[in-house]
């Protein structure tokens, strides 16, 4: 009798599911640092926590870098759009009516 091995293999989470949000990763990082600072750990436990902390710090850094890049792109895109508007049609000067003064 043959069995299908695809069901018995663990399914890999997609990259989005595997990476926590920045806030979650940062909270876990703070907890990890606190546990290391508190002491009372075996060398093995401390090493594992340090490794976890380094992975969390890397994840936080990657998320911050991605956010910074996105903001930079949005600013550049907005600047380009505004330059096109300025080049194509200058905005008319605003002249208040007498009603606006009231």
PDB file of N, CA and C in Angstrom:
ATOM      1  N   UNK A   1       0.837  -1.169   0.000  1.00  0.00           N
ATOM      2  CA  UNK A   1       0.000   0.000   0.000  1.00  0.00           C
ATOM      3  C   UNK A   1       0.891   1.244   0.000  1.00  0.00           C
ATOM      4  N   UNK A   2       0.537   2.240  -0.829  1.00  0.00           N
ATOM      5  CA  UNK A   2       1.326   3.465  -0.911  1.00  0.00           C
ATOM      6  C   UNK A   2       0.602   4.590  -0.207  1.00  0.00           C
ATOM      7  N   UNK A   3       1.387   5.471   0.356  1.00  0.00           N
ATOM      8  CA  UNK A   3       0.791   6.628   1.014  1.00  0.00           C
ATOM      9  C   UNK A   3       1.349   7.886   0.391  1.00  0.00           C
ATOM     10  N   UNK A   4       0.587   8.918   0.460  1.00  0.00           N
ATOM     11  CA  UNK A   4       0.998  10.203  -0.068  1.00  0.00           C
ATOM     12  C   UNK A   4       1.747  10.953   1.041  1.00  0.00           C
ATOM     13  N   UNK A   5       3.027  11.222   0.824  1.00  0.00           N
ATOM     14  CA  UNK A   5       3.857  11.870   1.839  1.00  0.00           C
ATOM     15  C   UNK A   5       3.619  13.366   1.933  1.00  0.00           C
ATOM     16  N   UNK A   6       2.904  13.933   0.994  1.00  0.00           N
ATOM     17  CA  UNK A   6       2.712  15.381   1.028  1.00  0.00           C
ATOM     18  C   UNK A   6       1.901  15.817   2.239  1.00  0.00           C
ATOM     19  N   UNK A   7       0.996  14.970   2.715  1.00  0.00           N
ATOM     20  CA  UNK A   7       0.187  15.337   3.872  1.00  0.00           C
ATOM     21  C   UNK A   7       0.971  15.253   5.172  1.00  0.00           C
ATOM     22  N   UNK A   8       1.994  14.396   5.224  1.00  0.00           N
ATOM     23  CA  UNK A   8       2.733  14.224   6.465  1.00  0.00           C
ATOM     24  C   UNK A   8       3.846  15.244   6.638  1.00  0.00           C
ATOM     25  N   UNK A   9       4.209  15.956   5.577  1.00  0.00           N
ATOM     26  CA  UNK A   9       5.263  16.955   5.678  1.00  0.00           C
ATOM     27  C   UNK A   9       4.684  18.243   6.255  1.00  0.00           C
ATOM     28  N   UNK A  10       5.455  18.864   7.143  1.00  0.00           N
ATOM     29  CA  UNK A  10       4.950  20.146   7.666  1.00  0.00           C
ATOM     30  C   UNK A  10       4.928  21.194   6.570  1.00  0.00           C
ATOM     31  N   UNK A  11       3.886  21.978   6.567  1.00  0.00           N
ATOM     32  CA  UNK A  11       3.758  23.019   5.554  1.00  0.00           C
ATOM     33  C   UNK A  11       4.535  24.236   6.014  1.00  0.00           C
ATOM     34  N   UNK A  12       5.270  24.815   5.082  1.00  0.00           N
ATOM     35  CA  UNK A  12       6.038  26.020   5.392  1.00  0.00           C
ATOM     36  C   UNK A  12       5.111  27.218   5.343  1.00  0.00           C
ATOM     37  N   UNK A  13       5.259  28.061   6.310  1.00  0.00           N
ATOM     38  CA  UNK A  13       4.455  29.281   6.333  1.00  0.00           C
ATOM     39  C   UNK A  13       5.011  30.240   5.294  1.00  0.00           C
ATOM     40  N   UNK A  14       4.134  31.016   4.718  1.00  0.00           N
ATOM     41  CA  UNK A  14       4.601  31.997   3.753  1.00  0.00           C
ATOM     42  C   UNK A  14       5.440  33.034   4.490  1.00  0.00           C
ATOM     43  N   UNK A  15       6.200  33.807   3.748  1.00  0.00           N
ATOM     44  CA  UNK A  15       7.101  34.776   4.355  1.00  0.00           C
ATOM     45  C   UNK A  15       6.333  35.801   5.189  1.00  0.00           C
ATOM     46  N   UNK A  16       5.169  36.219   4.708  1.00  0.00           N
ATOM     47  CA  UNK A  16       4.383  37.195   5.460  1.00  0.00           C
ATOM     48  C   UNK A  16       3.888  36.607   6.774  1.00  0.00           C
ATOM     49  N   UNK A  17       3.464  35.345   6.770  1.00  0.00           N
ATOM     50  CA  UNK A  17       2.970  34.722   7.989  1.00  0.00           C
ATOM     51  C   UNK A  17       4.105  34.468   8.978  1.00  0.00           C
ATOM     52  N   UNK A  18       5.291  34.163   8.477  1.00  0.00           N
ATOM     53  CA  UNK A  18       6.412  33.805   9.334  1.00  0.00           C
ATOM     54  C   UNK A  18       6.975  35.020  10.055  1.00  0.00           C
ATOM     55  N   UNK A  19       6.916  36.188   9.446  1.00  0.00           N
ATOM     56  CA  UNK A  19       7.516  37.374  10.042  1.00  0.00           C
ATOM     57  C   UNK A  19       6.476  38.124  10.862  1.00  0.00           C
ATOM     58  N   UNK A  20       6.769  38.328  12.155  1.00  0.00           N
ATOM     59  CA  UNK A  20       5.812  39.060  12.992  1.00  0.00           C
ATOM     60  C   UNK A  20       5.799  40.537  12.628  1.00  0.00           C
ATOM     61  N   UNK A  21       4.808  41.239  13.113  1.00  0.00           N
ATOM     62  CA  UNK A  21       4.777  42.685  12.898  1.00  0.00           C
ATOM     63  C   UNK A  21       5.937  43.315  13.665  1.00  0.00           C
ATOM     64  N   UNK A  22       6.263  44.545  13.317  1.00  0.00           N
ATOM     65  CA  UNK A  22       7.348  45.232  14.017  1.00  0.00           C
ATOM     66  C   UNK A  22       7.050  45.307  15.511  1.00  0.00           C
ATOM     67  N   UNK A  23       5.816  45.672  15.837  1.00  0.00           N
ATOM     68  CA  UNK A  23       5.445  45.829  17.248  1.00  0.00           C
ATOM     69  C   UNK A  23       5.589  44.520  18.016  1.00  0.00           C
ATOM     70  N   UNK A  24       5.155  43.414  17.418  1.00  0.00           N
ATOM     71  CA  UNK A  24       5.285  42.110  18.072  1.00  0.00           C
ATOM     72  C   UNK A  24       6.748  41.718  18.237  1.00  0.00           C
ATOM     73  N   UNK A  25       7.526  41.905  17.188  1.00  0.00           N
ATOM     74  CA  UNK A  25       8.946  41.555  17.239  1.00  0.00           C
ATOM     75  C   UNK A  25       9.672  42.413  18.269  1.00  0.00           C
ATOM     76  N   UNK A  26       9.353  43.697  18.323  1.00  0.00           N
ATOM     77  CA  UNK A  26      10.017  44.595  19.259  1.00  0.00           C
ATOM     78  C   UNK A  26       9.655  44.233  20.699  1.00  0.00           C
ATOM     79  N   UNK A  27       8.389  43.894  20.936  1.00  0.00           N
ATOM     80  CA  UNK A  27       7.961  43.473  22.276  1.00  0.00           C
ATOM     81  C   UNK A  27       8.699  42.207  22.693  1.00  0.00           C
ATOM     82  N   UNK A  28       8.784  41.241  21.780  1.00  0.00           N
ATOM     83  CA  UNK A  28       9.514  40.002  22.081  1.00  0.00           C
ATOM     84  C   UNK A  28      10.987  40.294  22.344  1.00  0.00           C
ATOM     85  N   UNK A  29      11.559  41.214  21.586  1.00  0.00           N
ATOM     86  CA  UNK A  29      12.962  41.580  21.769  1.00  0.00           C
ATOM     87  C   UNK A  29      13.180  42.192  23.153  1.00  0.00           C
ATOM     88  N   UNK A  30      12.288  43.097  23.564  1.00  0.00           N
ATOM     89  CA  UNK A  30      12.415  43.702  24.891  1.00  0.00           C
ATOM     90  C   UNK A  30      12.316  42.640  25.989  1.00  0.00           C
ATOM     91  N   UNK A  31      11.390  41.692  25.829  1.00  0.00           N
ATOM     92  CA  UNK A  31      11.240  40.619  26.817  1.00  0.00           C
ATOM     93  C   UNK A  31      12.486  39.739  26.861  1.00  0.00           C
ATOM     94  N   UNK A  32      13.056  39.477  25.694  1.00  0.00           N
ATOM     95  CA  UNK A  32      14.257  38.658  25.615  1.00  0.00           C
ATOM     96  C   UNK A  32      15.427  39.355  26.301  1.00  0.00           C
ATOM     97  N   UNK A  33      15.587  40.649  26.029  1.00  0.00           N
ATOM     98  CA  UNK A  33      16.667  41.423  26.654  1.00  0.00           C
ATOM     99  C   UNK A  33      16.478  41.453  28.169  1.00  0.00           C
ATOM    100  N   UNK A  34      15.255  41.636  28.628  1.00  0.00           N
ATOM    101  CA  UNK A  34      14.978  41.659  30.068  1.00  0.00           C
ATOM    102  C   UNK A  34      15.347  40.333  30.722  1.00  0.00           C
ATOM    103  N   UNK A  35      15.002  39.245  30.054  1.00  0.00           N
ATOM    104  CA  UNK A  35      15.319  37.914  30.594  1.00  0.00           C
ATOM    105  C   UNK A  35      16.833  37.715  30.672  1.00  0.00           C
ATOM    106  N   UNK A  36      17.549  38.180  29.666  1.00  0.00           N
ATOM    107  CA  UNK A  36      19.015  38.060  29.686  1.00  0.00           C
ATOM    108  C   UNK A  36      19.619  38.941  30.786  1.00  0.00           C
ATOM    109  N   UNK A  37      19.091  40.150  30.931  1.00  0.00           N
ATOM    110  CA  UNK A  37      19.612  41.059  31.948  1.00  0.00           C
ATOM    111  C   UNK A  37      19.314  40.571  33.363  1.00  0.00           C
ATOM    112  N   UNK A  38      18.189  39.883  33.532  1.00  0.00           N
ATOM    113  CA  UNK A  38      17.818  39.387  34.854  1.00  0.00           C
ATOM    114  C   UNK A  38      18.789  38.314  35.334  1.00  0.00           C
ATOM    115  N   UNK A  39      19.374  37.608  34.396  1.00  0.00           N
ATOM    116  CA  UNK A  39      20.349  36.584  34.767  1.00  0.00           C
ATOM    117  C   UNK A  39      19.685  35.318  35.284  1.00  0.00           C
ATOM    118  N   UNK A  40      20.475  34.493  35.953  1.00  0.00           N
ATOM    119  CA  UNK A  40      19.956  33.247  36.503  1.00  0.00           C
ATOM    120  C   UNK A  40      19.730  32.173  35.455  1.00  0.00           C
ATOM    121  N   UNK A  41      20.315  32.340  34.286  1.00  0.00           N
ATOM    122  CA  UNK A  41      20.134  31.382  33.200  1.00  0.00           C
ATOM    123  C   UNK A  41      21.384  30.516  33.062  1.00  0.00           C
ATOM    124  N   UNK A  42      21.176  29.330  32.561  1.00  0.00           N
ATOM    125  CA  UNK A  42      22.337  28.507  32.230  1.00  0.00           C
ATOM    126  C   UNK A  42      22.969  29.077  30.982  1.00  0.00           C
ATOM    127  N   UNK A  43      24.184  28.674  30.711  1.00  0.00           N
ATOM    128  CA  UNK A  43      24.870  29.147  29.512  1.00  0.00           C
ATOM    129  C   UNK A  43      24.071  28.783  28.268  1.00  0.00           C
ATOM    130  N   UNK A  44      23.525  27.583  28.241  1.00  0.00           N
ATOM    131  CA  UNK A  44      22.739  27.139  27.085  1.00  0.00           C
ATOM    132  C   UNK A  44      21.483  27.990  26.912  1.00  0.00           C
ATOM    133  N   UNK A  45      20.775  28.251  28.018  1.00  0.00           N
ATOM    134  CA  UNK A  45      19.567  29.076  27.949  1.00  0.00           C
ATOM    135  C   UNK A  45      19.903  30.500  27.496  1.00  0.00           C
ATOM    136  N   UNK A  46      20.976  31.054  28.057  1.00  0.00           N
ATOM    137  CA  UNK A  46      21.377  32.412  27.696  1.00  0.00           C
ATOM    138  C   UNK A  46      21.786  32.483  26.234  1.00  0.00           C
ATOM    139  N   UNK A  47      22.476  31.476  25.750  1.00  0.00           N
ATOM    140  CA  UNK A  47      22.896  31.449  24.350  1.00  0.00           C
ATOM    141  C   UNK A  47      21.695  31.370  23.423  1.00  0.00           C
ATOM    142  N   UNK A  48      20.726  30.545  23.785  1.00  0.00           N
ATOM    143  CA  UNK A  48      19.510  30.432  22.967  1.00  0.00           C
ATOM    144  C   UNK A  48      18.734  31.746  22.967  1.00  0.00           C
ATOM    145  N   UNK A  49      18.633  32.380  24.125  1.00  0.00           N
ATOM    146  CA  UNK A  49      17.931  33.663  24.190  1.00  0.00           C
ATOM    147  C   UNK A  49      18.671  34.735  23.406  1.00  0.00           C
ATOM    148  N   UNK A  50      19.999  34.727  23.486  1.00  0.00           N
ATOM    149  CA  UNK A  50      20.786  35.697  22.731  1.00  0.00           C
ATOM    150  C   UNK A  50      20.554  35.504  21.239  1.00  0.00           C
ATOM    151  N   UNK A  51      20.544  34.262  20.797  1.00  0.00           N
ATOM    152  CA  UNK A  51      20.291  33.956  19.383  1.00  0.00           C
ATOM    153  C   UNK A  51      18.902  34.449  18.977  1.00  0.00           C
ATOM    154  N   UNK A  52      17.921  34.194  19.831  1.00  0.00           N
ATOM    155  CA  UNK A  52      16.557  34.662  19.555  1.00  0.00           C
ATOM    156  C   UNK A  52      16.525  36.185  19.467  1.00  0.00           C
ATOM    157  N   UNK A  53      17.216  36.841  20.390  1.00  0.00           N
ATOM    158  CA  UNK A  53      17.271  38.301  20.391  1.00  0.00           C
ATOM    159  C   UNK A  53      17.908  38.855  19.133  1.00  0.00           C
ATOM    160  N   UNK A  54      18.969  38.208  18.677  1.00  0.00           N
ATOM    161  CA  UNK A  54      19.631  38.663  17.449  1.00  0.00           C
ATOM    162  C   UNK A  54      18.707  38.506  16.241  1.00  0.00           C
ATOM    163  N   UNK A  55      17.963  37.398  16.189  1.00  0.00           N
ATOM    164  CA  UNK A  55      17.015  37.202  15.078  1.00  0.00           C
ATOM    165  C   UNK A  55      15.892  38.233  15.128  1.00  0.00           C
ATOM    166  N   UNK A  56      15.417  38.535  16.342  1.00  0.00           N
ATOM    167  CA  UNK A  56      14.367  39.545  16.487  1.00  0.00           C
ATOM    168  C   UNK A  56      14.882  40.932  16.121  1.00  0.00           C
ATOM    169  N   UNK A  57      16.110  41.247  16.530  1.00  0.00           N
ATOM    170  CA  UNK A  57      16.699  42.550  16.181  1.00  0.00           C
ATOM    171  C   UNK A  57      16.847  42.668  14.671  1.00  0.00           C
ATOM    172  N   UNK A  58      17.251  41.591  14.030  1.00  0.00           N
ATOM    173  CA  UNK A  58      17.386  41.599  12.567  1.00  0.00           C
ATOM    174  C   UNK A  58      16.021  41.812  11.912  1.00  0.00           C
ATOM    175  N   UNK A  59      14.995  41.124  12.422  1.00  0.00           N
ATOM    176  CA  UNK A  59      13.641  41.276  11.866  1.00  0.00           C
ATOM    177  C   UNK A  59      13.150  42.714  12.042  1.00  0.00           C
ATOM    178  N   UNK A  60      13.388  43.303  13.219  1.00  0.00           N
ATOM    179  CA  UNK A  60      12.985  44.696  13.457  1.00  0.00           C
ATOM    180  C   UNK A  60      13.701  45.627  12.493  1.00  0.00           C
ATOM    181  N   UNK A  61      14.991  45.407  12.318  1.00  0.00           N
ATOM    182  CA  UNK A  61      15.776  46.251  11.416  1.00  0.00           C
ATOM    183  C   UNK A  61      15.265  46.138   9.981  1.00  0.00           C
ATOM    184  N   UNK A  62      14.957  44.915   9.540  1.00  0.00           N
ATOM    185  CA  UNK A  62      14.444  44.718   8.181  1.00  0.00           C
ATOM    186  C   UNK A  62      13.098  45.408   7.997  1.00  0.00           C
ATOM    187  N   UNK A  63      12.238  45.304   9.009  1.00  0.00           N
ATOM    188  CA  UNK A  63      10.923  45.947   8.915  1.00  0.00           C
ATOM    189  C   UNK A  63      11.046  47.468   8.890  1.00  0.00           C
ATOM    190  N   UNK A  64      11.944  48.008   9.708  1.00  0.00           N
ATOM    191  CA  UNK A  64      12.162  49.456   9.709  1.00  0.00           C
ATOM    192  C   UNK A  64      12.750  49.930   8.382  1.00  0.00           C
ATOM    193  N   UNK A  65      13.684  49.172   7.848  1.00  0.00           N
ATOM    194  CA  UNK A  65      14.301  49.532   6.570  1.00  0.00           C
ATOM    195  C   UNK A  65      13.264  49.510   5.454  1.00  0.00           C
ATOM    196  N   UNK A  66      12.399  48.489   5.463  1.00  0.00           N
ATOM    197  CA  UNK A  66      11.353  48.395   4.441  1.00  0.00           C
ATOM    198  C   UNK A  66      10.384  49.565   4.554  1.00  0.00           C
ATOM    199  N   UNK A  67      10.029  49.942   5.782  1.00  0.00           N
ATOM    200  CA  UNK A  67       9.122  51.078   5.977  1.00  0.00           C
ATOM    201  C   UNK A  67       9.776  52.378   5.514  1.00  0.00           C
ATOM    202  N   UNK A  68      11.051  52.536   5.838  1.00  0.00           N
ATOM    203  CA  UNK A  68      11.778  53.731   5.419  1.00  0.00           C
ATOM    204  C   UNK A  68      11.848  53.827   3.895  1.00  0.00           C
ATOM    205  N   UNK A  69      12.111  52.705   3.246  1.00  0.00           N
ATOM    206  CA  UNK A  69      12.165  52.682   1.788  1.00  0.00           C
ATOM    207  C   UNK A  69      10.806  53.033   1.185  1.00  0.00           C
ATOM    208  N   UNK A  70       9.758  52.494   1.767  1.00  0.00           N
ATOM    209  CA  UNK A  70       8.402  52.784   1.270  1.00  0.00           C
ATOM    210  C   UNK A  70       8.091  54.274   1.403  1.00  0.00           C
ATOM    211  N   UNK A  71       8.440  54.854   2.546  1.00  0.00           N
ATOM    212  CA  UNK A  71       8.192  56.283   2.760  1.00  0.00           C
ATOM    213  C   UNK A  71       9.002  57.120   1.779  1.00  0.00           C
ATOM    214  N   UNK A  72      10.258  56.737   1.560  1.00  0.00           N
ATOM    215  CA  UNK A  72      11.105  57.460   0.607  1.00  0.00           C
ATOM    216  C   UNK A  72      10.515  57.410  -0.794  1.00  0.00           C
ATOM    217  N   UNK A  73      10.040  56.243  -1.180  1.00  0.00           N
ATOM    218  CA  UNK A  73       9.418  56.107  -2.509  1.00  0.00           C
ATOM    219  C   UNK A  73       8.156  56.947  -2.616  1.00  0.00           C
ATOM    220  N   UNK A  74       7.342  56.952  -1.572  1.00  0.00           N
ATOM    221  CA  UNK A  74       6.121  57.750  -1.580  1.00  0.00           C
ATOM    222  C   UNK A  74       6.446  59.236  -1.663  1.00  0.00           C
ATOM    223  N   UNK A  75       7.446  59.671  -0.904  1.00  0.00           N
ATOM    224  CA  UNK A  75       7.841  61.077  -0.955  1.00  0.00           C
ATOM    225  C   UNK A  75       8.355  61.449  -2.342  1.00  0.00           C
ATOM    226  N   UNK A  76       9.165  60.577  -2.927  1.00  0.00           N
ATOM    227  CA  UNK A  76       9.711  60.847  -4.262  1.00  0.00           C
ATOM    228  C   UNK A  76       8.580  60.905  -5.280  1.00  0.00           C
ATOM    229  N   UNK A  77       7.651  59.962  -5.196  1.00  0.00           N
ATOM    230  CA  UNK A  77       6.517  59.928  -6.121  1.00  0.00           C
ATOM    231  C   UNK A  77       5.672  61.195  -5.963  1.00  0.00           C
ATOM    232  N   UNK A  78       5.417  61.580  -4.725  1.00  0.00           N
ATOM    233  CA  UNK A  78       4.634  62.788  -4.479  1.00  0.00           C
ATOM    234  C   UNK A  78       5.358  64.009  -5.030  1.00  0.00           C
ATOM    235  N   UNK A  79       6.658  64.076  -4.798  1.00  0.00           N
ATOM    236  CA  UNK A  79       7.449  65.198  -5.306  1.00  0.00           C
ATOM    237  C   UNK A  79       7.412  65.265  -6.817  1.00  0.00           C
ATOM    238  N   UNK A  80       7.498  64.118  -7.470  1.00  0.00           N
ATOM    239  CA  UNK A  80       7.439  64.079  -8.940  1.00  0.00           C
ATOM    240  C   UNK A  80       6.066  64.522  -9.427  1.00  0.00           C
ATOM    241  N   UNK A  81       5.011  64.073  -8.740  1.00  0.00           N
ATOM    242  CA  UNK A  81       3.663  64.482  -9.131  1.00  0.00           C
ATOM    243  C   UNK A  81       3.477  65.982  -8.959  1.00  0.00           C
ATOM    244  N   UNK A  82       3.988  66.516  -7.860  1.00  0.00           N
ATOM    245  CA  UNK A  82       3.847  67.949  -7.618  1.00  0.00           C
ATOM    246  C   UNK A  82       4.654  68.739  -8.646  1.00  0.00           C
ATOM    247  N   UNK A  83       5.810  68.238  -9.042  1.00  0.00           N
ATOM    248  CA  UNK A  83       6.617  68.923 -10.056  1.00  0.00           C
ATOM    249  C   UNK A  83       5.879  68.934 -11.388  1.00  0.00           C
ATOM    250  N   UNK A  84       5.197  67.841 -11.707  1.00  0.00           N
ATOM    251  CA  UNK A  84       4.437  67.780 -12.964  1.00  0.00           C
ATOM    252  C   UNK A  84       3.290  68.772 -12.921  1.00  0.00           C
ATOM    253  N   UNK A  85       2.637  68.888 -11.779  1.00  0.00           N
ATOM    254  CA  UNK A  85       1.532  69.843 -11.649  1.00  0.00           C
ATOM    255  C   UNK A  85       2.065  71.261 -11.805  1.00  0.00           C
ATOM    256  N   UNK A  86       3.187  71.546 -11.156  1.00  0.00           N
ATOM    257  CA  UNK A  86       3.776  72.885 -11.250  1.00  0.00           C
ATOM    258  C   UNK A  86       4.184  73.203 -12.679  1.00  0.00           C
ATOM    259  N   UNK A  87       4.706  72.235 -13.411  1.00  0.00           N
ATOM    260  CA  UNK A  87       5.143  72.445 -14.784  1.00  0.00           C
ATOM    261  C   UNK A  87       3.969  72.601 -15.744  1.00  0.00           C
ATOM    262  N   UNK A  88       2.894  71.851 -15.521  1.00  0.00           N
ATOM    263  CA  UNK A  88       1.770  71.826 -16.459  1.00  0.00           C
ATOM    264  C   UNK A  88       0.836  73.009 -16.294  1.00  0.00           C
ATOM    265  N   UNK A  89       0.418  73.263 -15.086  1.00  0.00           N
ATOM    266  CA  UNK A  89      -0.558  74.335 -14.895  1.00  0.00           C
ATOM    267  C   UNK A  89      -0.340  74.995 -13.544  1.00  0.00           C
ATOM    268  N   UNK A  90       0.181  76.184 -13.585  1.00  0.00           N
ATOM    269  CA  UNK A  90       0.363  76.879 -12.307  1.00  0.00           C
ATOM    270  C   UNK A  90      -0.992  77.181 -11.684  1.00  0.00           C
ATOM    271  N   UNK A  91      -1.022  77.113 -10.379  1.00  0.00           N
ATOM    272  CA  UNK A  91      -2.258  77.388  -9.667  1.00  0.00           C
ATOM    273  C   UNK A  91      -2.560  78.881  -9.760  1.00  0.00           C
ATOM    274  N   UNK A  92      -3.818  79.239  -9.945  1.00  0.00           N
ATOM    275  CA  UNK A  92      -4.148  80.668  -9.994  1.00  0.00           C
ATOM    276  C   UNK A  92      -3.924  81.296  -8.633  1.00  0.00           C
ATOM    277  N   UNK A  93      -3.584  82.575  -8.661  1.00  0.00           N
ATOM    278  CA  UNK A  93      -3.402  83.288  -7.403  1.00  0.00           C
ATOM    279  C   UNK A  93      -4.742  83.411  -6.714  1.00  0.00           C
ATOM    280  N   UNK A  94      -4.736  83.216  -5.439  1.00  0.00           N
ATOM    281  CA  UNK A  94      -5.967  83.338  -4.661  1.00  0.00           C
ATOM    282  C   UNK A  94      -6.184  84.790  -4.300  1.00  0.00           C
ATOM    283  N   UNK A  95      -7.351  85.281  -4.665  1.00  0.00           N
ATOM    284  CA  UNK A  95      -7.702  86.645  -4.309  1.00  0.00           C
ATOM    285  C   UNK A  95      -9.002  86.586  -3.526  1.00  0.00           C
ATOM    286  N   UNK A  96      -8.947  86.933  -2.254  1.00  0.00           N
ATOM    287  CA  UNK A  96     -10.153  86.822  -1.427  1.00  0.00           C
ATOM    288  C   UNK A  96     -11.234  87.801  -1.874  1.00  0.00           C
ATOM    289  N   UNK A  97     -12.463  87.326  -1.830  1.00  0.00           N
ATOM    290  CA  UNK A  97     -13.610  88.191  -2.108  1.00  0.00           C
ATOM    291  C   UNK A  97     -13.904  88.995  -0.841  1.00  0.00           C
ATOM    292  N   UNK A  98     -14.746  89.980  -1.014  1.00  0.00           N
ATOM    293  CA  UNK A  98     -15.135  90.769   0.142  1.00  0.00           C
ATOM    294  C   UNK A  98     -15.874  89.919   1.154  1.00  0.00           C
ATOM    295  N   UNK A  99     -16.577  88.884   0.677  1.00  0.00           N
ATOM    296  CA  UNK A  99     -17.333  87.997   1.572  1.00  0.00           C
ATOM    297  C   UNK A  99     -16.394  87.188   2.454  1.00  0.00           C
ATOM    298  N   UNK A 100     -15.194  86.869   1.956  1.00  0.00           N
ATOM    299  CA  UNK A 100     -14.247  86.064   2.733  1.00  0.00           C
ATOM    300  C   UNK A 100     -13.720  86.815   3.937  1.00  0.00           C
ATOM    301  N   UNK A 101     -13.727  88.160   3.879  1.00  0.00           N
ATOM    302  CA  UNK A 101     -13.196  88.944   4.975  1.00  0.00           C
ATOM    303  C   UNK A 101     -14.149  88.974   6.178  1.00  0.00           C
ATOM    304  N   UNK A 102     -15.403  88.707   5.940  1.00  0.00           N
ATOM    305  CA  UNK A 102     -16.397  88.820   6.996  1.00  0.00           C
ATOM    306  C   UNK A 102     -16.334  87.713   7.974  1.00  0.00           C
TER     307      UNK A 102
END
